[in-house]
Amino acid sequence: SLRGSDTDAALYWFARMLDGGEDPHFIARRLTRFAVEDIGLAD
């Protein structure tokens, strides 16, 4: 969803993960990976 620039859908899946008890540290690590994999030097 982030790769497709659908911010609202990304917020929904993020909320679903937290609601399911996912460790926020895991999410933060994956979001950091996204920053370098799918955005990189574009920003």
PDB file of all heavy atoms in Angstrom:
ATOM      1  N   SER A   1       0.838  -1.200   0.000  1.00  0.00           N
ATOM      2  CA  SER A   1       0.000   0.000   0.000  1.00  0.00           C
ATOM      3  C   SER A   1       0.873   1.250   0.000  1.00  0.00           C
ATOM      4  O   SER A   1       0.581   2.233  -0.698  1.00  0.00           O
ATOM      5  CB  SER A   1      -0.926   0.002   1.216  1.00  0.00           C
ATOM      6  OG  SER A   1      -1.818  -1.093   1.183  1.00  0.00           O
ATOM      7  N   LEU A   2       1.952   1.217   0.781  1.00  0.00           N
ATOM      8  CA  LEU A   2       2.887   2.344   0.785  1.00  0.00           C
ATOM      9  C   LEU A   2       3.551   2.498  -0.573  1.00  0.00           C
ATOM     10  O   LEU A   2       3.700   3.613  -1.088  1.00  0.00           O
ATOM     11  CB  LEU A   2       3.946   2.135   1.873  1.00  0.00           C
ATOM     12  CG  LEU A   2       3.490   2.298   3.316  1.00  0.00           C
ATOM     13  CD1 LEU A   2       4.596   1.863   4.273  1.00  0.00           C
ATOM     14  CD2 LEU A   2       3.088   3.740   3.603  1.00  0.00           C
ATOM     15  N   ARG A   3       3.968   1.363  -1.162  1.00  0.00           N
ATOM     16  CA  ARG A   3       4.619   1.409  -2.473  1.00  0.00           C
ATOM     17  C   ARG A   3       3.681   2.023  -3.511  1.00  0.00           C
ATOM     18  O   ARG A   3       4.108   2.741  -4.412  1.00  0.00           O
ATOM     19  CB  ARG A   3       5.040   0.000  -2.883  1.00  0.00           C
ATOM     20  CG  ARG A   3       5.759  -0.066  -4.228  1.00  0.00           C
ATOM     21  CD  ARG A   3       6.118  -1.506  -4.547  1.00  0.00           C
ATOM     22  NE  ARG A   3       7.159  -2.002  -3.662  1.00  0.00           N
ATOM     23  CZ  ARG A   3       7.346  -3.295  -3.377  1.00  0.00           C
ATOM     24  NH1 ARG A   3       6.543  -4.208  -3.897  1.00  0.00           N
ATOM     25  NH2 ARG A   3       8.320  -3.662  -2.577  1.00  0.00           N
ATOM     26  N   GLY A   4       2.388   1.725  -3.375  1.00  0.00           N
ATOM     27  CA  GLY A   4       1.399   2.265  -4.304  1.00  0.00           C
ATOM     28  C   GLY A   4       0.925   3.656  -3.927  1.00  0.00           C
ATOM     29  O   GLY A   4      -0.047   4.147  -4.512  1.00  0.00           O
ATOM     30  N   SER A   5       1.574   4.276  -2.918  1.00  0.00           N
ATOM     31  CA  SER A   5       1.230   5.629  -2.467  1.00  0.00           C
ATOM     32  C   SER A   5      -0.232   5.740  -2.049  1.00  0.00           C
ATOM     33  O   SER A   5      -0.852   6.800  -2.193  1.00  0.00           O
ATOM     34  CB  SER A   5       1.557   6.669  -3.551  1.00  0.00           C
ATOM     35  OG  SER A   5       2.942   6.667  -3.832  1.00  0.00           O
ATOM     36  N   ASP A   6      -0.799   4.650  -1.524  1.00  0.00           N
ATOM     37  CA  ASP A   6      -2.158   4.684  -0.983  1.00  0.00           C
ATOM     38  C   ASP A   6      -2.035   4.821   0.527  1.00  0.00           C
ATOM     39  O   ASP A   6      -2.057   3.842   1.274  1.00  0.00           O
ATOM     40  CB  ASP A   6      -2.928   3.413  -1.356  1.00  0.00           C
ATOM     41  CG  ASP A   6      -4.420   3.541  -1.084  1.00  0.00           C
ATOM     42  OD1 ASP A   6      -4.786   4.344  -0.199  1.00  0.00           O
ATOM     43  OD2 ASP A   6      -5.207   2.842  -1.741  1.00  0.00           O
ATOM     44  N   THR A   7      -1.890   6.038   0.964  1.00  0.00           N
ATOM     45  CA  THR A   7      -1.605   6.311   2.376  1.00  0.00           C
ATOM     46  C   THR A   7      -2.744   5.848   3.282  1.00  0.00           C
ATOM     47  O   THR A   7      -2.513   5.315   4.368  1.00  0.00           O
ATOM     48  CB  THR A   7      -1.347   7.815   2.570  1.00  0.00           C
ATOM     49  OG1 THR A   7      -0.307   8.215   1.675  1.00  0.00           O
ATOM     50  CG2 THR A   7      -0.930   8.121   3.998  1.00  0.00           C
ATOM     51  N   ASP A   8      -3.978   6.043   2.849  1.00  0.00           N
ATOM     52  CA  ASP A   8      -5.115   5.650   3.684  1.00  0.00           C
ATOM     53  C   ASP A   8      -5.171   4.130   3.862  1.00  0.00           C
ATOM     54  O   ASP A   8      -5.439   3.639   4.968  1.00  0.00           O
ATOM     55  CB  ASP A   8      -6.422   6.161   3.078  1.00  0.00           C
ATOM     56  CG  ASP A   8      -6.508   7.678   3.135  1.00  0.00           C
ATOM     57  OD1 ASP A   8      -6.141   8.246   4.184  1.00  0.00           O
ATOM     58  OD2 ASP A   8      -6.917   8.295   2.141  1.00  0.00           O
ATOM     59  N   ALA A   9      -4.929   3.388   2.784  1.00  0.00           N
ATOM     60  CA  ALA A   9      -4.906   1.926   2.908  1.00  0.00           C
ATOM     61  C   ALA A   9      -3.764   1.495   3.818  1.00  0.00           C
ATOM     62  O   ALA A   9      -3.922   0.577   4.644  1.00  0.00           O
ATOM     63  CB  ALA A   9      -4.759   1.278   1.530  1.00  0.00           C
ATOM     64  N   ALA A  10      -2.614   2.152   3.701  1.00  0.00           N
ATOM     65  CA  ALA A  10      -1.478   1.818   4.561  1.00  0.00           C
ATOM     66  C   ALA A  10      -1.818   2.058   6.027  1.00  0.00           C
ATOM     67  O   ALA A  10      -1.469   1.243   6.899  1.00  0.00           O
ATOM     68  CB  ALA A  10      -0.258   2.636   4.149  1.00  0.00           C
ATOM     69  N   LEU A  11      -2.509   3.157   6.311  1.00  0.00           N
ATOM     70  CA  LEU A  11      -2.913   3.427   7.690  1.00  0.00           C
ATOM     71  C   LEU A  11      -3.867   2.358   8.207  1.00  0.00           C
ATOM     72  O   LEU A  11      -3.811   1.969   9.382  1.00  0.00           O
ATOM     73  CB  LEU A  11      -3.573   4.806   7.774  1.00  0.00           C
ATOM     74  CG  LEU A  11      -2.618   6.006   7.660  1.00  0.00           C
ATOM     75  CD1 LEU A  11      -3.419   7.287   7.472  1.00  0.00           C
ATOM     76  CD2 LEU A  11      -1.731   6.095   8.901  1.00  0.00           C
ATOM     77  N   TYR A  12      -4.738   1.862   7.325  1.00  0.00           N
ATOM     78  CA  TYR A  12      -5.676   0.803   7.721  1.00  0.00           C
ATOM     79  C   TYR A  12      -4.927  -0.464   8.102  1.00  0.00           C
ATOM     80  O   TYR A  12      -5.169  -1.063   9.160  1.00  0.00           O
ATOM     81  CB  TYR A  12      -6.653   0.523   6.578  1.00  0.00           C
ATOM     82  CG  TYR A  12      -7.484  -0.723   6.795  1.00  0.00           C
ATOM     83  CD1 TYR A  12      -8.547  -0.728   7.689  1.00  0.00           C
ATOM     84  CD2 TYR A  12      -7.186  -1.908   6.122  1.00  0.00           C
ATOM     85  CE1 TYR A  12      -9.298  -1.873   7.902  1.00  0.00           C
ATOM     86  CE2 TYR A  12      -7.931  -3.055   6.323  1.00  0.00           C
ATOM     87  CZ  TYR A  12      -8.987  -3.040   7.215  1.00  0.00           C
ATOM     88  OH  TYR A  12      -9.713  -4.170   7.433  1.00  0.00           O
ATOM     89  N   TRP A  13      -3.973  -0.899   7.239  1.00  0.00           N
ATOM     90  CA  TRP A  13      -3.244  -2.137   7.540  1.00  0.00           C
ATOM     91  C   TRP A  13      -2.352  -1.968   8.760  1.00  0.00           C
ATOM     92  O   TRP A  13      -2.177  -2.900   9.555  1.00  0.00           O
ATOM     93  CB  TRP A  13      -2.431  -2.573   6.322  1.00  0.00           C
ATOM     94  CG  TRP A  13      -3.289  -2.961   5.156  1.00  0.00           C
ATOM     95  CD1 TRP A  13      -3.323  -2.365   3.932  1.00  0.00           C
ATOM     96  CD2 TRP A  13      -4.263  -4.010   5.113  1.00  0.00           C
ATOM     97  NE1 TRP A  13      -4.256  -2.978   3.128  1.00  0.00           N
ATOM     98  CE2 TRP A  13      -4.847  -3.985   3.828  1.00  0.00           C
ATOM     99  CE3 TRP A  13      -4.697  -4.956   6.033  1.00  0.00           C
ATOM    100  CZ2 TRP A  13      -5.838  -4.887   3.446  1.00  0.00           C
ATOM    101  CZ3 TRP A  13      -5.692  -5.849   5.667  1.00  0.00           C
ATOM    102  CH2 TRP A  13      -6.247  -5.809   4.386  1.00  0.00           C
ATOM    103  N   PHE A  14      -1.794  -0.780   8.930  1.00  0.00           N
ATOM    104  CA  PHE A  14      -1.004  -0.483  10.118  1.00  0.00           C
ATOM    105  C   PHE A  14      -1.862  -0.650  11.378  1.00  0.00           C
ATOM    106  O   PHE A  14      -1.450  -1.279  12.358  1.00  0.00           O
ATOM    107  CB  PHE A  14      -0.447   0.941  10.011  1.00  0.00           C
ATOM    108  CG  PHE A  14       0.220   1.441  11.266  1.00  0.00           C
ATOM    109  CD1 PHE A  14       1.519   1.049  11.575  1.00  0.00           C
ATOM    110  CD2 PHE A  14      -0.439   2.302  12.128  1.00  0.00           C
ATOM    111  CE1 PHE A  14       2.138   1.506  12.727  1.00  0.00           C
ATOM    112  CE2 PHE A  14       0.176   2.763  13.282  1.00  0.00           C
ATOM    113  CZ  PHE A  14       1.468   2.369  13.586  1.00  0.00           C
ATOM    114  N   ALA A  15      -3.077  -0.075  11.330  1.00  0.00           N
ATOM    115  CA  ALA A  15      -3.986  -0.185  12.481  1.00  0.00           C
ATOM    116  C   ALA A  15      -4.397  -1.636  12.723  1.00  0.00           C
ATOM    117  O   ALA A  15      -4.517  -2.075  13.880  1.00  0.00           O
ATOM    118  CB  ALA A  15      -5.216   0.696  12.264  1.00  0.00           C
ATOM    119  N   ARG A  16      -4.621  -2.387  11.647  1.00  0.00           N
ATOM    120  CA  ARG A  16      -4.976  -3.804  11.787  1.00  0.00           C
ATOM    121  C   ARG A  16      -3.870  -4.579  12.505  1.00  0.00           C
ATOM    122  O   ARG A  16      -4.127  -5.443  13.351  1.00  0.00           O
ATOM    123  CB  ARG A  16      -5.208  -4.414  10.404  1.00  0.00           C
ATOM    124  CG  ARG A  16      -6.592  -4.146   9.804  1.00  0.00           C
ATOM    125  CD  ARG A  16      -7.646  -5.090  10.370  1.00  0.00           C
ATOM    126  NE  ARG A  16      -7.291  -6.484  10.158  1.00  0.00           N
ATOM    127  CZ  ARG A  16      -7.548  -7.173   9.044  1.00  0.00           C
ATOM    128  NH1 ARG A  16      -8.162  -6.573   8.031  1.00  0.00           N
ATOM    129  NH2 ARG A  16      -7.211  -8.443   8.936  1.00  0.00           N
ATOM    130  N   MET A  17      -2.628  -4.281  12.162  1.00  0.00           N
ATOM    131  CA  MET A  17      -1.513  -4.984  12.791  1.00  0.00           C
ATOM    132  C   MET A  17      -1.425  -4.653  14.276  1.00  0.00           C
ATOM    133  O   MET A  17      -1.242  -5.538  15.118  1.00  0.00           O
ATOM    134  CB  MET A  17      -0.205  -4.643  12.081  1.00  0.00           C
ATOM    135  CG  MET A  17      -0.145  -5.130  10.648  1.00  0.00           C
ATOM    136  SD  MET A  17       1.456  -4.834   9.877  1.00  0.00           S
ATOM    137  CE  MET A  17       2.409  -6.179  10.573  1.00  0.00           C
ATOM    138  N   LEU A  18      -1.561  -3.378  14.614  1.00  0.00           N
ATOM    139  CA  LEU A  18      -1.526  -3.007  16.027  1.00  0.00           C
ATOM    140  C   LEU A  18      -2.693  -3.622  16.783  1.00  0.00           C
ATOM    141  O   LEU A  18      -2.535  -4.114  17.907  1.00  0.00           O
ATOM    142  CB  LEU A  18      -1.566  -1.484  16.170  1.00  0.00           C
ATOM    143  CG  LEU A  18      -0.283  -0.717  15.807  1.00  0.00           C
ATOM    144  CD1 LEU A  18      -0.474   0.763  16.096  1.00  0.00           C
ATOM    145  CD2 LEU A  18       0.921  -1.251  16.562  1.00  0.00           C
ATOM    146  N   ASP A  19      -3.869  -3.612  16.164  1.00  0.00           N
ATOM    147  CA  ASP A  19      -5.055  -4.175  16.799  1.00  0.00           C
ATOM    148  C   ASP A  19      -4.899  -5.667  17.035  1.00  0.00           C
ATOM    149  O   ASP A  19      -5.438  -6.223  17.992  1.00  0.00           O
ATOM    150  CB  ASP A  19      -6.290  -3.904  15.926  1.00  0.00           C
ATOM    151  CG  ASP A  19      -7.594  -4.180  16.668  1.00  0.00           C
ATOM    152  OD1 ASP A  19      -7.698  -3.778  17.838  1.00  0.00           O
ATOM    153  OD2 ASP A  19      -8.494  -4.802  16.080  1.00  0.00           O
ATOM    154  N   GLY A  20      -4.121  -6.329  16.167  1.00  0.00           N
ATOM    155  CA  GLY A  20      -3.890  -7.757  16.321  1.00  0.00           C
ATOM    156  C   GLY A  20      -2.778  -8.090  17.296  1.00  0.00           C
ATOM    157  O   GLY A  20      -2.481  -9.258  17.520  1.00  0.00           O
ATOM    158  N   GLY A  21      -2.143  -7.060  17.867  1.00  0.00           N
ATOM    159  CA  GLY A  21      -1.115  -7.311  18.860  1.00  0.00           C
ATOM    160  C   GLY A  21       0.300  -7.375  18.314  1.00  0.00           C
ATOM    161  O   GLY A  21       1.209  -7.852  18.996  1.00  0.00           O
ATOM    162  N   GLU A  22       0.498  -6.897  17.076  1.00  0.00           N
ATOM    163  CA  GLU A  22       1.841  -6.937  16.503  1.00  0.00           C
ATOM    164  C   GLU A  22       2.789  -6.027  17.299  1.00  0.00           C
ATOM    165  O   GLU A  22       2.395  -4.994  17.818  1.00  0.00           O
ATOM    166  CB  GLU A  22       1.792  -6.489  15.037  1.00  0.00           C
ATOM    167  CG  GLU A  22       3.114  -6.559  14.306  1.00  0.00           C
ATOM    168  CD  GLU A  22       3.713  -7.950  14.318  1.00  0.00           C
ATOM    169  OE1 GLU A  22       3.280  -8.783  13.499  1.00  0.00           O
ATOM    170  OE2 GLU A  22       4.597  -8.198  15.160  1.00  0.00           O
ATOM    171  N   ASP A  23       4.048  -6.445  17.385  1.00  0.00           N
ATOM    172  CA  ASP A  23       5.066  -5.653  18.069  1.00  0.00           C
ATOM    173  C   ASP A  23       5.385  -4.408  17.230  1.00  0.00           C
ATOM    174  O   ASP A  23       5.853  -4.526  16.089  1.00  0.00           O
ATOM    175  CB  ASP A  23       6.326  -6.502  18.241  1.00  0.00           C
ATOM    176  CG  ASP A  23       7.433  -5.767  18.980  1.00  0.00           C
ATOM    177  OD1 ASP A  23       7.227  -4.607  19.355  1.00  0.00           O
ATOM    178  OD2 ASP A  23       8.514  -6.366  19.164  1.00  0.00           O
ATOM    179  N   PRO A  24       5.166  -3.191  17.769  1.00  0.00           N
ATOM    180  CA  PRO A  24       5.457  -1.982  16.984  1.00  0.00           C
ATOM    181  C   PRO A  24       6.915  -1.888  16.552  1.00  0.00           C
ATOM    182  O   PRO A  24       7.217  -1.247  15.539  1.00  0.00           O
ATOM    183  CB  PRO A  24       5.081  -0.855  17.949  1.00  0.00           C
ATOM    184  CG  PRO A  24       4.047  -1.453  18.853  1.00  0.00           C
ATOM    185  CD  PRO A  24       4.487  -2.874  19.044  1.00  0.00           C
ATOM    186  N   HIS A  25       7.827  -2.514  17.289  1.00  0.00           N
ATOM    187  CA  HIS A  25       9.226  -2.496  16.883  1.00  0.00           C
ATOM    188  C   HIS A  25       9.408  -3.217  15.535  1.00  0.00           C
ATOM    189  O   HIS A  25      10.215  -2.800  14.691  1.00  0.00           O
ATOM    190  CB  HIS A  25      10.112  -3.168  17.939  1.00  0.00           C
ATOM    191  CG  HIS A  25      10.242  -2.373  19.196  1.00  0.00           C
ATOM    192  ND1 HIS A  25       9.399  -2.551  20.277  1.00  0.00           N
ATOM    193  CD2 HIS A  25      11.093  -1.376  19.551  1.00  0.00           C
ATOM    194  CE1 HIS A  25       9.744  -1.725  21.240  1.00  0.00           C
ATOM    195  NE2 HIS A  25      10.768  -0.987  20.825  1.00  0.00           N
ATOM    196  N   PHE A  26       8.670  -4.306  15.354  1.00  0.00           N
ATOM    197  CA  PHE A  26       8.725  -5.025  14.077  1.00  0.00           C
ATOM    198  C   PHE A  26       8.221  -4.134  12.944  1.00  0.00           C
ATOM    199  O   PHE A  26       8.826  -4.073  11.869  1.00  0.00           O
ATOM    200  CB  PHE A  26       7.888  -6.302  14.155  1.00  0.00           C
ATOM    201  CG  PHE A  26       7.653  -6.963  12.825  1.00  0.00           C
ATOM    202  CD1 PHE A  26       8.644  -7.706  12.219  1.00  0.00           C
ATOM    203  CD2 PHE A  26       6.433  -6.818  12.170  1.00  0.00           C
ATOM    204  CE1 PHE A  26       8.437  -8.301  10.982  1.00  0.00           C
ATOM    205  CE2 PHE A  26       6.215  -7.407  10.934  1.00  0.00           C
ATOM    206  CZ  PHE A  26       7.227  -8.148  10.354  1.00  0.00           C
ATOM    207  N   ILE A  27       7.122  -3.422  13.193  1.00  0.00           N
ATOM    208  CA  ILE A  27       6.575  -2.536  12.163  1.00  0.00           C
ATOM    209  C   ILE A  27       7.570  -1.422  11.849  1.00  0.00           C
ATOM    210  O   ILE A  27       7.795  -1.085  10.680  1.00  0.00           O
ATOM    211  CB  ILE A  27       5.224  -1.945  12.610  1.00  0.00           C
ATOM    212  CG1 ILE A  27       4.221  -3.071  12.917  1.00  0.00           C
ATOM    213  CG2 ILE A  27       4.660  -1.021  11.542  1.00  0.00           C
ATOM    214  CD1 ILE A  27       2.894  -2.581  13.467  1.00  0.00           C
ATOM    215  N   ALA A  28       8.178  -0.853  12.899  1.00  0.00           N
ATOM    216  CA  ALA A  28       9.144   0.228  12.684  1.00  0.00           C
ATOM    217  C   ALA A  28      10.328  -0.254  11.856  1.00  0.00           C
ATOM    218  O   ALA A  28      10.827   0.471  10.982  1.00  0.00           O
ATOM    219  CB  ALA A  28       9.625   0.756  14.038  1.00  0.00           C
ATOM    220  N   ARG A  29      10.772  -1.469  12.114  1.00  0.00           N
ATOM    221  CA  ARG A  29      11.896  -2.010  11.348  1.00  0.00           C
ATOM    222  C   ARG A  29      11.516  -2.171   9.879  1.00  0.00           C
ATOM    223  O   ARG A  29      12.285  -1.812   8.974  1.00  0.00           O
ATOM    224  CB  ARG A  29      12.324  -3.363  11.931  1.00  0.00           C
ATOM    225  CG  ARG A  29      13.529  -3.981  11.227  1.00  0.00           C
ATOM    226  CD  ARG A  29      14.020  -5.202  11.982  1.00  0.00           C
ATOM    227  NE  ARG A  29      13.085  -6.306  11.894  1.00  0.00           N
ATOM    228  CZ  ARG A  29      13.026  -7.169  10.867  1.00  0.00           C
ATOM    229  NH1 ARG A  29      13.835  -7.023   9.841  1.00  0.00           N
ATOM    230  NH2 ARG A  29      12.158  -8.157  10.876  1.00  0.00           N
ATOM    231  N   ARG A  30      10.317  -2.670   9.607  1.00  0.00           N
ATOM    232  CA  ARG A  30       9.883  -2.863   8.231  1.00  0.00           C
ATOM    233  C   ARG A  30       9.656  -1.523   7.524  1.00  0.00           C
ATOM    234  O   ARG A  30       9.901  -1.394   6.329  1.00  0.00           O
ATOM    235  CB  ARG A  30       8.620  -3.722   8.184  1.00  0.00           C
ATOM    236  CG  ARG A  30       8.843  -5.166   8.577  1.00  0.00           C
ATOM    237  CD  ARG A  30       9.875  -5.850   7.691  1.00  0.00           C
ATOM    238  NE  ARG A  30       9.458  -5.883   6.309  1.00  0.00           N
ATOM    239  CZ  ARG A  30       8.906  -6.936   5.708  1.00  0.00           C
ATOM    240  NH1 ARG A  30       8.722  -8.048   6.386  1.00  0.00           N
ATOM    241  NH2 ARG A  30       8.553  -6.882   4.440  1.00  0.00           N
ATOM    242  N   LEU A  31       9.162  -0.522   8.252  1.00  0.00           N
ATOM    243  CA  LEU A  31       8.975   0.799   7.653  1.00  0.00           C
ATOM    244  C   LEU A  31      10.323   1.427   7.303  1.00  0.00           C
ATOM    245  O   LEU A  31      10.450   2.115   6.279  1.00  0.00           O
ATOM    246  CB  LEU A  31       8.195   1.703   8.605  1.00  0.00           C
ATOM    247  CG  LEU A  31       6.723   1.329   8.839  1.00  0.00           C
ATOM    248  CD1 LEU A  31       6.102   2.245   9.891  1.00  0.00           C
ATOM    249  CD2 LEU A  31       5.916   1.388   7.545  1.00  0.00           C
ATOM    250  N   THR A  32      11.319   1.183   8.140  1.00  0.00           N
ATOM    251  CA  THR A  32      12.662   1.694   7.840  1.00  0.00           C
ATOM    252  C   THR A  32      13.218   1.022   6.594  1.00  0.00           C
ATOM    253  O   THR A  32      13.832   1.664   5.734  1.00  0.00           O
ATOM    254  CB  THR A  32      13.597   1.465   9.043  1.00  0.00           C
ATOM    255  OG1 THR A  32      13.034   2.096  10.201  1.00  0.00           O
ATOM    256  CG2 THR A  32      14.976   2.038   8.782  1.00  0.00           C
ATOM    257  N   ARG A  33      12.996  -0.279   6.478  1.00  0.00           N
ATOM    258  CA  ARG A  33      13.414  -0.993   5.271  1.00  0.00           C
ATOM    259  C   ARG A  33      12.704  -0.408   4.044  1.00  0.00           C
ATOM    260  O   ARG A  33      13.312  -0.229   2.986  1.00  0.00           O
ATOM    261  CB  ARG A  33      13.097  -2.485   5.417  1.00  0.00           C
ATOM    262  CG  ARG A  33      13.187  -3.292   4.136  1.00  0.00           C
ATOM    263  CD  ARG A  33      14.598  -3.382   3.606  1.00  0.00           C
ATOM    264  NE  ARG A  33      14.630  -4.070   2.319  1.00  0.00           N
ATOM    265  CZ  ARG A  33      15.731  -4.469   1.717  1.00  0.00           C
ATOM    266  NH1 ARG A  33      16.909  -4.270   2.271  1.00  0.00           N
ATOM    267  NH2 ARG A  33      15.672  -5.085   0.558  1.00  0.00           N
ATOM    268  N   PHE A  34      11.413  -0.114   4.190  1.00  0.00           N
ATOM    269  CA  PHE A  34      10.670   0.471   3.076  1.00  0.00           C
ATOM    270  C   PHE A  34      11.301   1.794   2.641  1.00  0.00           C
ATOM    271  O   PHE A  34      11.393   2.090   1.449  1.00  0.00           O
ATOM    272  CB  PHE A  34       9.207   0.694   3.465  1.00  0.00           C
ATOM    273  CG  PHE A  34       8.391   1.315   2.371  1.00  0.00           C
ATOM    274  CD1 PHE A  34       7.776   0.520   1.413  1.00  0.00           C
ATOM    275  CD2 PHE A  34       8.265   2.690   2.265  1.00  0.00           C
ATOM    276  CE1 PHE A  34       7.043   1.092   0.377  1.00  0.00           C
ATOM    277  CE2 PHE A  34       7.530   3.264   1.236  1.00  0.00           C
ATOM    278  CZ  PHE A  34       6.929   2.461   0.296  1.00  0.00           C
ATOM    279  N   ALA A  35      11.734   2.589   3.608  1.00  0.00           N
ATOM    280  CA  ALA A  35      12.297   3.908   3.298  1.00  0.00           C
ATOM    281  C   ALA A  35      13.502   3.798   2.376  1.00  0.00           C
ATOM    282  O   ALA A  35      13.692   4.635   1.490  1.00  0.00           O
ATOM    283  CB  ALA A  35      12.678   4.626   4.592  1.00  0.00           C
ATOM    284  N   VAL A  36      14.316   2.746   2.569  1.00  0.00           N
ATOM    285  CA  VAL A  36      15.504   2.618   1.719  1.00  0.00           C
ATOM    286  C   VAL A  36      15.238   1.774   0.475  1.00  0.00           C
ATOM    287  O   VAL A  36      15.933   1.920  -0.531  1.00  0.00           O
ATOM    288  CB  VAL A  36      16.696   2.026   2.513  1.00  0.00           C
ATOM    289  CG1 VAL A  36      17.157   3.003   3.564  1.00  0.00           C
ATOM    290  CG2 VAL A  36      16.346   0.687   3.150  1.00  0.00           C
ATOM    291  N   GLU A  37      14.248   0.901   0.526  1.00  0.00           N
ATOM    292  CA  GLU A  37      13.980   0.027  -0.621  1.00  0.00           C
ATOM    293  C   GLU A  37      13.093   0.687  -1.666  1.00  0.00           C
ATOM    294  O   GLU A  37      13.328   0.530  -2.869  1.00  0.00           O
ATOM    295  CB  GLU A  37      13.308  -1.272  -0.163  1.00  0.00           C
ATOM    296  CG  GLU A  37      12.962  -2.220  -1.295  1.00  0.00           C
ATOM    297  CD  GLU A  37      12.279  -3.501  -0.825  1.00  0.00           C
ATOM    298  OE1 GLU A  37      12.441  -3.872   0.347  1.00  0.00           O
ATOM    299  OE2 GLU A  37      11.572  -4.129  -1.640  1.00  0.00           O
ATOM    300  N   ASP A  38      12.083   1.418  -1.224  1.00  0.00           N
ATOM    301  CA  ASP A  38      11.071   1.918  -2.157  1.00  0.00           C
ATOM    302  C   ASP A  38      11.039   3.434  -2.302  1.00  0.00           C
ATOM    303  O   ASP A  38      10.285   3.946  -3.125  1.00  0.00           O
ATOM    304  CB  ASP A  38       9.680   1.427  -1.725  1.00  0.00           C
ATOM    305  CG  ASP A  38       9.494  -0.053  -1.995  1.00  0.00           C
ATOM    306  OD1 ASP A  38       9.127  -0.397  -3.122  1.00  0.00           O
ATOM    307  OD2 ASP A  38       9.746  -0.862  -1.085  1.00  0.00           O
ATOM    308  N   ILE A  39      11.832   4.129  -1.504  1.00  0.00           N
ATOM    309  CA  ILE A  39      11.940   5.586  -1.642  1.00  0.00           C
ATOM    310  C   ILE A  39      13.377   5.968  -1.956  1.00  0.00           C
ATOM    311  O   ILE A  39      13.660   6.667  -2.924  1.00  0.00           O
ATOM    312  CB  ILE A  39      11.451   6.302  -0.369  1.00  0.00           C
ATOM    313  CG1 ILE A  39       9.958   6.041  -0.161  1.00  0.00           C
ATOM    314  CG2 ILE A  39      11.727   7.800  -0.458  1.00  0.00           C
ATOM    315  CD1 ILE A  39       9.407   6.590   1.130  1.00  0.00           C
ATOM    316  N   GLY A  40      14.284   5.467  -1.139  1.00  0.00           N
ATOM    317  CA  GLY A  40      15.700   5.674  -1.401  1.00  0.00           C
ATOM    318  C   GLY A  40      16.053   7.137  -1.546  1.00  0.00           C
ATOM    319  O   GLY A  40      15.639   8.004  -0.758  1.00  0.00           O
ATOM    320  N   LEU A  41      16.803   7.446  -2.597  1.00  0.00           N
ATOM    321  CA  LEU A  41      17.292   8.810  -2.799  1.00  0.00           C
ATOM    322  C   LEU A  41      16.289   9.707  -3.506  1.00  0.00           C
ATOM    323  O   LEU A  41      16.582  10.877  -3.766  1.00  0.00           O
ATOM    324  CB  LEU A  41      18.608   8.770  -3.573  1.00  0.00           C
ATOM    325  CG  LEU A  41      19.762   8.153  -2.777  1.00  0.00           C
ATOM    326  CD1 LEU A  41      20.965   7.930  -3.663  1.00  0.00           C
ATOM    327  CD2 LEU A  41      20.115   9.020  -1.591  1.00  0.00           C
ATOM    328  N   ALA A  42      15.101   9.175  -3.812  1.00  0.00           N
ATOM    329  CA  ALA A  42      14.050  10.073  -4.302  1.00  0.00           C
ATOM    330  C   ALA A  42      13.685  11.074  -3.200  1.00  0.00           C
ATOM    331  O   ALA A  42      13.283  12.198  -3.476  1.00  0.00           O
ATOM    332  CB  ALA A  42      12.810   9.282  -4.721  1.00  0.00           C
ATOM    333  N   ASP A  43      13.832  10.632  -1.938  1.00  0.00           N
ATOM    334  CA  ASP A  43      13.675  11.514  -0.784  1.00  0.00           C
ATOM    335  C   ASP A  43      14.616  11.015   0.306  1.00  0.00           C
ATOM    336  O   ASP A  43      14.230  10.171   1.119  1.00  0.00           O
ATOM    337  CB  ASP A  43      12.227  11.523  -0.290  1.00  0.00           C
ATOM    338  CG  ASP A  43      12.026  12.477   0.887  1.00  0.00           C
ATOM    339  OD1 ASP A  43      13.018  13.077   1.344  1.00  0.00           O
ATOM    340  OD2 ASP A  43      10.879  12.610   1.347  1.00  0.00           O
TER     341      ASP A  43
END
